[in-house]
Amino acid sequence: MAVSGENQAIRQLCKLIASERDDRRRQHLLSRLYSALKSEQAVIKNNVDEFLEAVSGPKRVRESRSPEQ
């Protein structure tokens, strides 16, 4: 199975974090990992949204009704 460039970067960061002994450097790597994961999460969310739109049509905004109505 092919691994995307982003996933490869995440794997590499995990390996570096596991082997890093310097706390400051490890903290920096953890920060980069967090950013990479947030970026990957946004890509996945976008892909899911596009898929759902293709399958079910455009999103409809649901009107929220308060209990008083």
Protein backbone atom coordinates (compact mmCIF):
# COMPACT_ATOMS: atom_id res chain seq x y z
CA MET A 1 0.00 0.00 0.00
CA ALA A 2 1.37 3.41 -0.96
CA VAL A 3 1.86 5.99 1.76
CA SER A 4 1.15 9.64 0.99
CA GLY A 5 3.88 12.21 1.47
CA GLU A 6 2.08 13.68 4.47
CA ASN A 7 1.73 10.28 6.12
CA GLN A 8 5.40 9.58 5.44
CA ALA A 9 6.34 12.86 7.14
CA ILE A 10 4.20 11.94 10.16
CA ARG A 11 5.86 8.52 10.39
CA GLN A 12 9.30 10.11 10.16
CA LEU A 13 8.45 12.64 12.89
CA CYS A 14 7.26 9.82 15.16
CA LYS A 15 10.53 7.95 14.66
CA LEU A 16 12.55 11.10 15.37
CA ILE A 17 10.54 11.83 18.52
CA ALA A 18 11.03 8.28 19.77
CA SER A 19 14.80 8.45 19.30
CA GLU A 20 15.36 12.05 20.44
CA ARG A 21 17.01 12.49 23.83
CA ASP A 22 17.05 16.29 24.05
CA ASP A 23 13.81 17.54 25.66
CA ARG A 24 13.80 20.87 23.79
CA ARG A 25 14.29 19.17 20.45
CA ARG A 26 11.64 16.56 21.30
CA GLN A 27 9.20 19.34 22.23
CA HIS A 28 9.89 21.04 18.89
CA LEU A 29 9.30 17.78 17.02
CA LEU A 30 6.06 17.20 18.95
CA SER A 31 4.88 20.64 17.90
CA ARG A 32 5.64 19.83 14.26
CA LEU A 33 3.84 16.50 14.62
CA TYR A 34 0.78 18.23 16.08
CA SER A 35 0.70 20.64 13.12
CA ALA A 36 1.09 17.81 10.62
CA LEU A 37 -1.73 15.85 12.26
CA LYS A 38 -4.05 18.88 12.26
CA SER A 39 -3.28 19.38 8.57
CA GLU A 40 -3.98 15.73 7.81
CA GLN A 41 -7.23 15.96 9.79
CA ALA A 42 -8.34 18.93 7.66
CA VAL A 43 -7.56 17.02 4.46
CA ILE A 44 -9.52 13.98 5.66
CA LYS A 45 -12.49 16.14 6.69
CA ASN A 46 -12.48 17.82 3.29
CA ASN A 47 -12.34 14.45 1.51
CA VAL A 48 -15.24 13.12 3.59
CA ASP A 49 -17.29 16.26 2.92
CA GLU A 50 -16.64 15.97 -0.83
CA PHE A 51 -17.57 12.29 -0.79
CA LEU A 52 -20.79 12.90 1.12
CA GLU A 53 -21.72 15.73 -1.21
CA ALA A 54 -21.09 13.51 -4.24
CA VAL A 55 -23.18 10.70 -2.76
CA SER A 56 -26.08 12.66 -1.29
CA GLY A 57 -26.02 15.98 -3.11
CA PRO A 58 -25.22 19.41 -1.68
CA LYS A 59 -25.45 19.95 2.05
CA ARG A 60 -28.68 21.40 3.27
CA VAL A 61 -28.66 23.77 6.18
CA ARG A 62 -31.04 22.38 8.76
CA GLU A 63 -33.21 24.88 10.49
CA SER A 64 -32.84 24.54 14.19
CA ARG A 65 -36.01 25.00 16.13
CA SER A 66 -36.03 25.98 19.72
CA PRO A 67 -38.30 24.01 22.09
CA GLU A 68 -40.53 27.07 22.48
CA GLN A 69 -41.61 27.04 18.81
